Every structure is written in structure tokens, then in C-alpha cells.
């Protein structure tokens, strides 16, 4: 998937829906999506035999989080692919340093 195109599409959809008028509102919306994902995960993971529909609900909430972030990156003209690649290198370096301790 091309994240730049996905970012533009997510932003266009959000604008058409009239949600997340500002980046601040979009960030608050993302926080709500994280809470919804947490609830969905709890519903799914606490069962003795997890059900596929609950797993799908959790997957959908994770997707909502990513879509929200993609929309914000388009709004703020952030190359999210570049930002993710850079941050993964930083995290990889941190992981190496933590293993040395």
C-alpha cells in the first residue's frame, strides 16, 4: 500500500464526512479510536475461545487508528512513510542499546 496515497484518501474522506476539522480535533478523535481498540481487544482477548467477529472488531479499530494518523499526516503535509522509516531506525537503535544493558 502506498501510504502517501492512502493519507490523501483518508483526509479526503474525513473532510467529506465533516469530521476532524482541525488537527487538534483529529488527535482527540485518534485518542478515542485508541480507547475503542482497547475495549475491542479486551472483549476479544478475555474470552476462553476468542470469536472471529470480536477479532474483526479489534482489527477494524486498529485500522481506524491508522486511518486517523494517515489523515493527520496529509493535513499537515507530513511524508508519513519517511517519518515511519526514520522512527523505526531510532527505535531499532534504542532496542540495541537496551539489549546491551
PDB file of N, CA and C in Angstrom:
ATOM      1  N   UNK A   1       0.842  -1.184   0.000  1.00  0.00           N
ATOM      2  CA  UNK A   1       0.000   0.000   0.000  1.00  0.00           C
ATOM      3  C   UNK A   1       0.883   1.241   0.000  1.00  0.00           C
ATOM      4  N   UNK A   2       0.522   2.180  -0.804  1.00  0.00           N
ATOM      5  CA  UNK A   2       1.212   3.457  -0.873  1.00  0.00           C
ATOM      6  C   UNK A   2       0.630   4.362   0.218  1.00  0.00           C
ATOM      7  N   UNK A   3       1.416   4.640   1.235  1.00  0.00           N
ATOM      8  CA  UNK A   3       0.912   5.415   2.367  1.00  0.00           C
ATOM      9  C   UNK A   3       0.607   6.865   2.010  1.00  0.00           C
ATOM     10  N   UNK A   4       1.338   7.419   1.052  1.00  0.00           N
ATOM     11  CA  UNK A   4       1.055   8.800   0.656  1.00  0.00           C
ATOM     12  C   UNK A   4      -0.331   8.894   0.032  1.00  0.00           C
ATOM     13  N   UNK A   5      -0.648   7.983  -0.865  1.00  0.00           N
ATOM     14  CA  UNK A   5      -1.977   7.963  -1.477  1.00  0.00           C
ATOM     15  C   UNK A   5      -3.052   7.656  -0.446  1.00  0.00           C
ATOM     16  N   UNK A   6      -2.749   6.714   0.442  1.00  0.00           N
ATOM     17  CA  UNK A   6      -3.709   6.359   1.489  1.00  0.00           C
ATOM     18  C   UNK A   6      -3.969   7.552   2.412  1.00  0.00           C
ATOM     19  N   UNK A   7      -2.923   8.336   2.686  1.00  0.00           N
ATOM     20  CA  UNK A   7      -3.071   9.528   3.527  1.00  0.00           C
ATOM     21  C   UNK A   7      -4.014  10.529   2.879  1.00  0.00           C
ATOM     22  N   UNK A   8      -3.811  10.783   1.598  1.00  0.00           N
ATOM     23  CA  UNK A   8      -4.668  11.723   0.879  1.00  0.00           C
ATOM     24  C   UNK A   8      -6.116  11.243   0.859  1.00  0.00           C
ATOM     25  N   UNK A   9      -6.306   9.967   0.610  1.00  0.00           N
ATOM     26  CA  UNK A   9      -7.662   9.391   0.573  1.00  0.00           C
ATOM     27  C   UNK A   9      -8.320   9.503   1.947  1.00  0.00           C
ATOM     28  N   UNK A  10      -7.593   9.179   3.001  1.00  0.00           N
ATOM     29  CA  UNK A  10      -8.142   9.264   4.356  1.00  0.00           C
ATOM     30  C   UNK A  10      -8.547  10.693   4.694  1.00  0.00           C
ATOM     31  N   UNK A  11      -7.714  11.636   4.296  1.00  0.00           N
ATOM     32  CA  UNK A  11      -8.003  13.050   4.559  1.00  0.00           C
ATOM     33  C   UNK A  11      -9.233  13.513   3.774  1.00  0.00           C
ATOM     34  N   UNK A  12      -9.316  13.112   2.513  1.00  0.00           N
ATOM     35  CA  UNK A  12     -10.482  13.472   1.685  1.00  0.00           C
ATOM     36  C   UNK A  12     -11.770  12.926   2.288  1.00  0.00           C
ATOM     37  N   UNK A  13     -11.731  11.685   2.735  1.00  0.00           N
ATOM     38  CA  UNK A  13     -12.915  11.065   3.334  1.00  0.00           C
ATOM     39  C   UNK A  13     -13.303  11.792   4.613  1.00  0.00           C
ATOM     40  N   UNK A  14     -12.329  12.106   5.443  1.00  0.00           N
ATOM     41  CA  UNK A  14     -12.615  12.827   6.693  1.00  0.00           C
ATOM     42  C   UNK A  14     -13.247  14.182   6.396  1.00  0.00           C
ATOM     43  N   UNK A  15     -12.730  14.874   5.403  1.00  0.00           N
ATOM     44  CA  UNK A  15     -13.288  16.184   5.030  1.00  0.00           C
ATOM     45  C   UNK A  15     -14.715  16.048   4.524  1.00  0.00           C
ATOM     46  N   UNK A  16     -14.967  15.040   3.696  1.00  0.00           N
ATOM     47  CA  UNK A  16     -16.314  14.818   3.171  1.00  0.00           C
ATOM     48  C   UNK A  16     -17.297  14.500   4.298  1.00  0.00           C
ATOM     49  N   UNK A  17     -16.811  13.793   5.308  1.00  0.00           N
ATOM     50  CA  UNK A  17     -17.669  13.432   6.443  1.00  0.00           C
ATOM     51  C   UNK A  17     -17.817  14.588   7.426  1.00  0.00           C
ATOM     52  N   UNK A  18     -17.011  15.635   7.241  1.00  0.00           N
ATOM     53  CA  UNK A  18     -17.099  16.791   8.127  1.00  0.00           C
ATOM     54  C   UNK A  18     -16.554  16.534   9.517  1.00  0.00           C
ATOM     55  N   UNK A  19     -15.616  15.600   9.605  1.00  0.00           N
ATOM     56  CA  UNK A  19     -15.025  15.302  10.912  1.00  0.00           C
ATOM     57  C   UNK A  19     -13.581  15.786  10.935  1.00  0.00           C
ATOM     58  N   UNK A  20     -13.081  15.961  12.142  1.00  0.00           N
ATOM     59  CA  UNK A  20     -11.687  16.345  12.330  1.00  0.00           C
ATOM     60  C   UNK A  20     -11.355  17.632  11.577  1.00  0.00           C
ATOM     61  N   UNK A  21     -12.109  18.676  11.870  1.00  0.00           N
ATOM     62  CA  UNK A  21     -11.920  19.960  11.190  1.00  0.00           C
ATOM     63  C   UNK A  21     -10.527  20.546  11.417  1.00  0.00           C
ATOM     64  N   UNK A  22      -9.941  20.271  12.563  1.00  0.00           N
ATOM     65  CA  UNK A  22      -8.597  20.758  12.868  1.00  0.00           C
ATOM     66  C   UNK A  22      -7.729  19.577  13.267  1.00  0.00           C
ATOM     67  N   UNK A  23      -6.427  19.791  13.260  1.00  0.00           N
ATOM     68  CA  UNK A  23      -5.518  18.721  13.685  1.00  0.00           C
ATOM     69  C   UNK A  23      -5.751  18.383  15.153  1.00  0.00           C
ATOM     70  N   UNK A  24      -6.027  19.396  15.970  1.00  0.00           N
ATOM     71  CA  UNK A  24      -6.309  19.142  17.386  1.00  0.00           C
ATOM     72  C   UNK A  24      -7.515  18.213  17.532  1.00  0.00           C
ATOM     73  N   UNK A  25      -8.582  18.479  16.783  1.00  0.00           N
ATOM     74  CA  UNK A  25      -9.763  17.609  16.828  1.00  0.00           C
ATOM     75  C   UNK A  25      -9.438  16.212  16.317  1.00  0.00           C
ATOM     76  N   UNK A  26      -8.614  16.137  15.286  1.00  0.00           N
ATOM     77  CA  UNK A  26      -8.237  14.843  14.732  1.00  0.00           C
ATOM     78  C   UNK A  26      -7.443  14.025  15.743  1.00  0.00           C
ATOM     79  N   UNK A  27      -6.571  14.690  16.483  1.00  0.00           N
ATOM     80  CA  UNK A  27      -5.801  13.982  17.515  1.00  0.00           C
ATOM     81  C   UNK A  27      -6.711  13.473  18.627  1.00  0.00           C
ATOM     82  N   UNK A  28      -7.690  14.274  19.005  1.00  0.00           N
ATOM     83  CA  UNK A  28      -8.660  13.825  20.015  1.00  0.00           C
ATOM     84  C   UNK A  28      -9.453  12.639  19.483  1.00  0.00           C
ATOM     85  N   UNK A  29      -9.807  12.705  18.206  1.00  0.00           N
ATOM     86  CA  UNK A  29     -10.533  11.597  17.586  1.00  0.00           C
ATOM     87  C   UNK A  29      -9.683  10.320  17.616  1.00  0.00           C
ATOM     88  N   UNK A  30      -8.395  10.464  17.311  1.00  0.00           N
ATOM     89  CA  UNK A  30      -7.487   9.307  17.349  1.00  0.00           C
ATOM     90  C   UNK A  30      -7.417   8.708  18.749  1.00  0.00           C
ATOM     91  N   UNK A  31      -7.384   9.579  19.747  1.00  0.00           N
ATOM     92  CA  UNK A  31      -7.351   9.085  21.126  1.00  0.00           C
ATOM     93  C   UNK A  31      -8.595   8.256  21.423  1.00  0.00           C
ATOM     94  N   UNK A  32      -9.734   8.709  20.922  1.00  0.00           N
ATOM     95  CA  UNK A  32     -10.970   7.945  21.092  1.00  0.00           C
ATOM     96  C   UNK A  32     -10.900   6.605  20.388  1.00  0.00           C
ATOM     97  N   UNK A  33     -10.288   6.593  19.211  1.00  0.00           N
ATOM     98  CA  UNK A  33     -10.143   5.333  18.475  1.00  0.00           C
ATOM     99  C   UNK A  33      -9.245   4.353  19.240  1.00  0.00           C
ATOM    100  N   UNK A  34      -8.215   4.874  19.891  1.00  0.00           N
ATOM    101  CA  UNK A  34      -7.334   4.014  20.696  1.00  0.00           C
ATOM    102  C   UNK A  34      -8.132   3.390  21.841  1.00  0.00           C
ATOM    103  N   UNK A  35      -8.965   4.178  22.492  1.00  0.00           N
ATOM    104  CA  UNK A  35      -9.803   3.650  23.571  1.00  0.00           C
ATOM    105  C   UNK A  35     -10.761   2.587  23.051  1.00  0.00           C
ATOM    106  N   UNK A  36     -11.347   2.828  21.885  1.00  0.00           N
ATOM    107  CA  UNK A  36     -12.239   1.832  21.291  1.00  0.00           C
ATOM    108  C   UNK A  36     -11.488   0.550  20.949  1.00  0.00           C
ATOM    109  N   UNK A  37     -10.260   0.677  20.464  1.00  0.00           N
ATOM    110  CA  UNK A  37      -9.447  -0.505  20.157  1.00  0.00           C
ATOM    111  C   UNK A  37      -9.136  -1.272  21.444  1.00  0.00           C
ATOM    112  N   UNK A  38      -8.854  -0.551  22.513  1.00  0.00           N
ATOM    113  CA  UNK A  38      -8.580  -1.200  23.793  1.00  0.00           C
ATOM    114  C   UNK A  38      -9.790  -1.990  24.271  1.00  0.00           C
ATOM    115  N   UNK A  39     -10.968  -1.395  24.165  1.00  0.00           N
ATOM    116  CA  UNK A  39     -12.197  -2.089  24.564  1.00  0.00           C
ATOM    117  C   UNK A  39     -12.430  -3.322  23.695  1.00  0.00           C
ATOM    118  N   UNK A  40     -12.245  -3.168  22.389  1.00  0.00           N
ATOM    119  CA  UNK A  40     -12.447  -4.295  21.478  1.00  0.00           C
ATOM    120  C   UNK A  40     -11.450  -5.409  21.770  1.00  0.00           C
ATOM    121  N   UNK A  41     -10.216  -5.034  22.073  1.00  0.00           N
ATOM    122  CA  UNK A  41      -9.204  -6.048  22.395  1.00  0.00           C
ATOM    123  C   UNK A  41      -9.577  -6.781  23.679  1.00  0.00           C
ATOM    124  N   UNK A  42     -10.018  -6.035  24.667  1.00  0.00           N
ATOM    125  CA  UNK A  42     -10.435  -6.679  25.917  1.00  0.00           C
ATOM    126  C   UNK A  42     -11.578  -7.648  25.680  1.00  0.00           C
ATOM    127  N   UNK A  43     -12.568  -7.250  24.904  1.00  0.00           N
ATOM    128  CA  UNK A  43     -13.700  -8.130  24.602  1.00  0.00           C
ATOM    129  C   UNK A  43     -13.237  -9.401  23.914  1.00  0.00           C
ATOM    130  N   UNK A  44     -12.290  -9.254  22.996  1.00  0.00           N
ATOM    131  CA  UNK A  44     -11.816 -10.391  22.209  1.00  0.00           C
ATOM    132  C   UNK A  44     -10.861 -11.278  23.002  1.00  0.00           C
ATOM    133  N   UNK A  45      -9.905 -10.673  23.693  1.00  0.00           N
ATOM    134  CA  UNK A  45      -8.829 -11.451  24.313  1.00  0.00           C
ATOM    135  C   UNK A  45      -9.221 -12.131  25.620  1.00  0.00           C
ATOM    136  N   UNK A  46     -10.248 -11.649  26.275  1.00  0.00           N
ATOM    137  CA  UNK A  46     -10.613 -12.210  27.578  1.00  0.00           C
ATOM    138  C   UNK A  46     -11.507 -13.440  27.483  1.00  0.00           C
ATOM    139  N   UNK A  47     -11.889 -13.797  26.281  1.00  0.00           N
ATOM    140  CA  UNK A  47     -12.717 -14.983  26.103  1.00  0.00           C
ATOM    141  C   UNK A  47     -11.853 -16.239  26.133  1.00  0.00           C
ATOM    142  N   UNK A  48     -12.434 -17.328  26.637  1.00  0.00           N
ATOM    143  CA  UNK A  48     -11.711 -18.604  26.615  1.00  0.00           C
ATOM    144  C   UNK A  48     -11.502 -19.088  25.178  1.00  0.00           C
ATOM    145  N   UNK A  49     -12.486 -18.838  24.345  1.00  0.00           N
ATOM    146  CA  UNK A  49     -12.347 -19.183  22.929  1.00  0.00           C
ATOM    147  C   UNK A  49     -12.740 -17.947  22.119  1.00  0.00           C
ATOM    148  N   UNK A  50     -11.710 -17.144  21.718  1.00  0.00           N
ATOM    149  CA  UNK A  50     -11.985 -15.896  21.001  1.00  0.00           C
ATOM    150  C   UNK A  50     -12.846 -16.105  19.763  1.00  0.00           C
ATOM    151  N   UNK A  51     -13.773 -15.196  19.548  1.00  0.00           N
ATOM    152  CA  UNK A  51     -14.677 -15.276  18.408  1.00  0.00           C
ATOM    153  C   UNK A  51     -14.157 -14.394  17.278  1.00  0.00           C
ATOM    154  N   UNK A  52     -14.346 -14.882  16.054  1.00  0.00           N
ATOM    155  CA  UNK A  52     -13.850 -14.159  14.882  1.00  0.00           C
ATOM    156  C   UNK A  52     -14.469 -12.773  14.743  1.00  0.00           C
ATOM    157  N   UNK A  53     -15.752 -12.611  15.098  1.00  0.00           N
ATOM    158  CA  UNK A  53     -16.385 -11.303  14.953  1.00  0.00           C
ATOM    159  C   UNK A  53     -15.776 -10.293  15.918  1.00  0.00           C
ATOM    160  N   UNK A  54     -15.356 -10.742  17.102  1.00  0.00           N
ATOM    161  CA  UNK A  54     -14.702  -9.833  18.046  1.00  0.00           C
ATOM    162  C   UNK A  54     -13.285  -9.497  17.597  1.00  0.00           C
ATOM    163  N   UNK A  55     -12.622 -10.475  16.990  1.00  0.00           N
ATOM    164  CA  UNK A  55     -11.294 -10.194  16.430  1.00  0.00           C
ATOM    165  C   UNK A  55     -11.423  -9.175  15.301  1.00  0.00           C
ATOM    166  N   UNK A  56     -12.437  -9.341  14.461  1.00  0.00           N
ATOM    167  CA  UNK A  56     -12.645  -8.406  13.357  1.00  0.00           C
ATOM    168  C   UNK A  56     -12.944  -7.001  13.879  1.00  0.00           C
ATOM    169  N   UNK A  57     -13.691  -6.905  14.960  1.00  0.00           N
ATOM    170  CA  UNK A  57     -13.971  -5.582  15.547  1.00  0.00           C
ATOM    171  C   UNK A  57     -12.666  -4.935  16.007  1.00  0.00           C
ATOM    172  N   UNK A  58     -11.780  -5.713  16.642  1.00  0.00           N
ATOM    173  CA  UNK A  58     -10.480  -5.202  17.072  1.00  0.00           C
ATOM    174  C   UNK A  58      -9.652  -4.769  15.865  1.00  0.00           C
ATOM    175  N   UNK A  59      -9.633  -5.590  14.819  1.00  0.00           N
ATOM    176  CA  UNK A  59      -8.902  -5.236  13.597  1.00  0.00           C
ATOM    177  C   UNK A  59      -9.421  -3.922  13.017  1.00  0.00           C
ATOM    178  N   UNK A  60     -10.732  -3.765  12.995  1.00  0.00           N
ATOM    179  CA  UNK A  60     -11.328  -2.539  12.458  1.00  0.00           C
ATOM    180  C   UNK A  60     -10.938  -1.314  13.277  1.00  0.00           C
ATOM    181  N   UNK A  61     -10.874  -1.464  14.577  1.00  0.00           N
ATOM    182  CA  UNK A  61     -10.479  -0.342  15.433  1.00  0.00           C
ATOM    183  C   UNK A  61      -9.010   0.017  15.211  1.00  0.00           C
ATOM    184  N   UNK A  62      -8.154  -0.990  15.031  1.00  0.00           N
ATOM    185  CA  UNK A  62      -6.751  -0.708  14.710  1.00  0.00           C
ATOM    186  C   UNK A  62      -6.655   0.032  13.377  1.00  0.00           C
ATOM    187  N   UNK A  63      -7.449  -0.399  12.413  1.00  0.00           N
ATOM    188  CA  UNK A  63      -7.458   0.265  11.115  1.00  0.00           C
ATOM    189  C   UNK A  63      -7.917   1.722  11.257  1.00  0.00           C
ATOM    190  N   UNK A  64      -8.917   1.960  12.118  1.00  0.00           N
ATOM    191  CA  UNK A  64      -9.376   3.337  12.346  1.00  0.00           C
ATOM    192  C   UNK A  64      -8.253   4.212  12.890  1.00  0.00           C
ATOM    193  N   UNK A  65      -7.426   3.648  13.768  1.00  0.00           N
ATOM    194  CA  UNK A  65      -6.302   4.408  14.325  1.00  0.00           C
ATOM    195  C   UNK A  65      -5.336   4.796  13.209  1.00  0.00           C
ATOM    196  N   UNK A  66      -4.998   3.831  12.384  1.00  0.00           N
ATOM    197  CA  UNK A  66      -4.056   4.092  11.282  1.00  0.00           C
ATOM    198  C   UNK A  66      -4.643   5.106  10.312  1.00  0.00           C
ATOM    199  N   UNK A  67      -5.908   4.960   9.968  1.00  0.00           N
ATOM    200  CA  UNK A  67      -6.562   5.897   9.062  1.00  0.00           C
ATOM    201  C   UNK A  67      -6.544   7.305   9.637  1.00  0.00           C
ATOM    202  N   UNK A  68      -6.786   7.411  10.921  1.00  0.00           N
ATOM    203  CA  UNK A  68      -6.764   8.710  11.590  1.00  0.00           C
ATOM    204  C   UNK A  68      -5.375   9.346  11.482  1.00  0.00           C
ATOM    205  N   UNK A  69      -4.356   8.576  11.727  1.00  0.00           N
ATOM    206  CA  UNK A  69      -2.980   9.075  11.636  1.00  0.00           C
ATOM    207  C   UNK A  69      -2.647   9.457  10.199  1.00  0.00           C
ATOM    208  N   UNK A  70      -3.066   8.651   9.250  1.00  0.00           N
ATOM    209  CA  UNK A  70      -2.817   8.968   7.849  1.00  0.00           C
ATOM    210  C   UNK A  70      -3.479  10.291   7.466  1.00  0.00           C
ATOM    211  N   UNK A  71      -4.697  10.492   7.920  1.00  0.00           N
ATOM    212  CA  UNK A  71      -5.411  11.729   7.619  1.00  0.00           C
ATOM    213  C   UNK A  71      -4.676  12.943   8.189  1.00  0.00           C
ATOM    214  N   UNK A  72      -4.201  12.817   9.411  1.00  0.00           N
ATOM    215  CA  UNK A  72      -3.453  13.922  10.031  1.00  0.00           C
ATOM    216  C   UNK A  72      -2.172  14.201   9.259  1.00  0.00           C
ATOM    217  N   UNK A  73      -1.494  13.150   8.831  1.00  0.00           N
ATOM    218  CA  UNK A  73      -0.242  13.361   8.096  1.00  0.00           C
ATOM    219  C   UNK A  73      -0.502  14.098   6.789  1.00  0.00           C
ATOM    220  N   UNK A  74      -1.600  13.799   6.120  1.00  0.00           N
ATOM    221  CA  UNK A  74      -1.929  14.522   4.893  1.00  0.00           C
ATOM    222  C   UNK A  74      -2.271  15.973   5.199  1.00  0.00           C
ATOM    223  N   UNK A  75      -3.035  16.198   6.237  1.00  0.00           N
ATOM    224  CA  UNK A  75      -3.432  17.555   6.628  1.00  0.00           C
ATOM    225  C   UNK A  75      -2.206  18.417   6.908  1.00  0.00           C
ATOM    226  N   UNK A  76      -1.190  17.828   7.527  1.00  0.00           N
ATOM    227  CA  UNK A  76      -0.001  18.568   7.955  1.00  0.00           C
ATOM    228  C   UNK A  76       1.162  18.442   6.967  1.00  0.00           C
ATOM    229  N   UNK A  77       0.895  17.850   5.804  1.00  0.00           N
ATOM    230  CA  UNK A  77       1.924  17.699   4.747  1.00  0.00           C
ATOM    231  C   UNK A  77       3.156  16.952   5.266  1.00  0.00           C
ATOM    232  N   UNK A  78       2.896  15.884   5.983  1.00  0.00           N
ATOM    233  CA  UNK A  78       3.968  15.044   6.522  1.00  0.00           C
ATOM    234  C   UNK A  78       4.094  13.800   5.643  1.00  0.00           C
ATOM    235  N   UNK A  79       5.308  13.510   5.218  1.00  0.00           N
ATOM    236  CA  UNK A  79       5.582  12.279   4.475  1.00  0.00           C
ATOM    237  C   UNK A  79       5.648  11.157   5.506  1.00  0.00           C
ATOM    238  N   UNK A  80       4.522  10.487   5.700  1.00  0.00           N
ATOM    239  CA  UNK A  80       4.411   9.509   6.779  1.00  0.00           C
ATOM    240  C   UNK A  80       5.316   8.297   6.547  1.00  0.00           C
ATOM    241  N   UNK A  81       5.525   7.925   5.289  1.00  0.00           N
ATOM    242  CA  UNK A  81       6.442   6.808   5.022  1.00  0.00           C
ATOM    243  C   UNK A  81       7.843   7.151   5.494  1.00  0.00           C
ATOM    244  N   UNK A  82       8.293   8.346   5.184  1.00  0.00           N
ATOM    245  CA  UNK A  82       9.624   8.801   5.599  1.00  0.00           C
ATOM    246  C   UNK A  82       9.703   8.902   7.128  1.00  0.00           C
ATOM    247  N   UNK A  83       8.650   9.431   7.745  1.00  0.00           N
ATOM    248  CA  UNK A  83       8.631   9.572   9.205  1.00  0.00           C
ATOM    249  C   UNK A  83       8.660   8.211   9.898  1.00  0.00           C
ATOM    250  N   UNK A  84       7.920   7.255   9.357  1.00  0.00           N
ATOM    251  CA  UNK A  84       7.905   5.908   9.944  1.00  0.00           C
ATOM    252  C   UNK A  84       9.269   5.255   9.790  1.00  0.00           C
ATOM    253  N   UNK A  85       9.856   5.345   8.611  1.00  0.00           N
ATOM    254  CA  UNK A  85      11.174   4.737   8.375  1.00  0.00           C
ATOM    255  C   UNK A  85      12.211   5.328   9.329  1.00  0.00           C
ATOM    256  N   UNK A  86      12.183   6.662   9.473  1.00  0.00           N
ATOM    257  CA  UNK A  86      13.132   7.330  10.371  1.00  0.00           C
ATOM    258  C   UNK A  86      12.922   6.871  11.809  1.00  0.00           C
ATOM    259  N   UNK A  87      11.677   6.804  12.243  1.00  0.00           N
ATOM    260  CA  UNK A  87      11.384   6.429  13.630  1.00  0.00           C
ATOM    261  C   UNK A  87      11.717   4.960  13.895  1.00  0.00           C
ATOM    262  N   UNK A  88      11.530   4.112  12.903  1.00  0.00           N
ATOM    263  CA  UNK A  88      11.887   2.701  13.091  1.00  0.00           C
ATOM    264  C   UNK A  88      13.392   2.541  13.284  1.00  0.00           C
ATOM    265  N   UNK A  89      14.179   3.330  12.567  1.00  0.00           N
ATOM    266  CA  UNK A  89      15.631   3.297  12.772  1.00  0.00           C
ATOM    267  C   UNK A  89      15.991   3.752  14.181  1.00  0.00           C
ATOM    268  N   UNK A  90      15.332   4.799  14.643  1.00  0.00           N
ATOM    269  CA  UNK A  90      15.567   5.282  16.012  1.00  0.00           C
ATOM    270  C   UNK A  90      15.211   4.193  17.020  1.00  0.00           C
ATOM    271  N   UNK A  91      14.051   3.575  16.839  1.00  0.00           N
ATOM    272  CA  UNK A  91      13.619   2.524  17.766  1.00  0.00           C
ATOM    273  C   UNK A  91      14.539   1.312  17.716  1.00  0.00           C
ATOM    274  N   UNK A  92      15.028   1.004  16.524  1.00  0.00           N
ATOM    275  CA  UNK A  92      15.967  -0.112  16.391  1.00  0.00           C
ATOM    276  C   UNK A  92      17.248   0.178  17.176  1.00  0.00           C
ATOM    277  N   UNK A  93      17.730   1.402  17.080  1.00  0.00           N
ATOM    278  CA  UNK A  93      18.915   1.790  17.844  1.00  0.00           C
ATOM    279  C   UNK A  93      18.667   1.708  19.337  1.00  0.00           C
ATOM    280  N   UNK A  94      17.499   2.116  19.772  1.00  0.00           N
ATOM    281  CA  UNK A  94      17.147   2.023  21.189  1.00  0.00           C
ATOM    282  C   UNK A  94      17.097   0.581  21.643  1.00  0.00           C
ATOM    283  N   UNK A  95      16.543  -0.296  20.798  1.00  0.00           N
ATOM    284  CA  UNK A  95      16.459  -1.705  21.142  1.00  0.00           C
ATOM    285  C   UNK A  95      17.852  -2.305  21.304  1.00  0.00           C
ATOM    286  N   UNK A  96      18.743  -1.935  20.415  1.00  0.00           N
ATOM    287  CA  UNK A  96      20.135  -2.427  20.531  1.00  0.00           C
ATOM    288  C   UNK A  96      20.765  -1.951  21.809  1.00  0.00           C
ATOM    289  N   UNK A  97      20.571  -0.685  22.151  1.00  0.00           N
ATOM    290  CA  UNK A  97      21.137  -0.126  23.384  1.00  0.00           C
ATOM    291  C   UNK A  97      20.536  -0.783  24.620  1.00  0.00           C
ATOM    292  N   UNK A  98      19.247  -1.105  24.572  1.00  0.00           N
ATOM    293  CA  UNK A  98      18.598  -1.741  25.715  1.00  0.00           C
ATOM    294  C   UNK A  98      19.104  -3.172  25.897  1.00  0.00           C
ATOM    295  N   UNK A  99      19.445  -3.847  24.800  1.00  0.00           N
ATOM    296  CA  UNK A  99      19.957  -5.210  24.881  1.00  0.00           C
ATOM    297  C   UNK A  99      21.357  -5.246  25.483  1.00  0.00           C
ATOM    298  N   UNK A 100      22.105  -4.145  25.309  1.00  0.00           N
ATOM    299  CA  UNK A 100      23.473  -4.079  25.823  1.00  0.00           C
ATOM    300  C   UNK A 100      23.479  -3.972  27.333  1.00  0.00           C
ATOM    301  N   UNK A 101      22.485  -3.338  27.892  1.00  0.00           N
ATOM    302  CA  UNK A 101      22.437  -3.112  29.356  1.00  0.00           C
ATOM    303  C   UNK A 101      22.406  -4.357  30.168  1.00  0.00           C
TER     304      UNK A 101
END
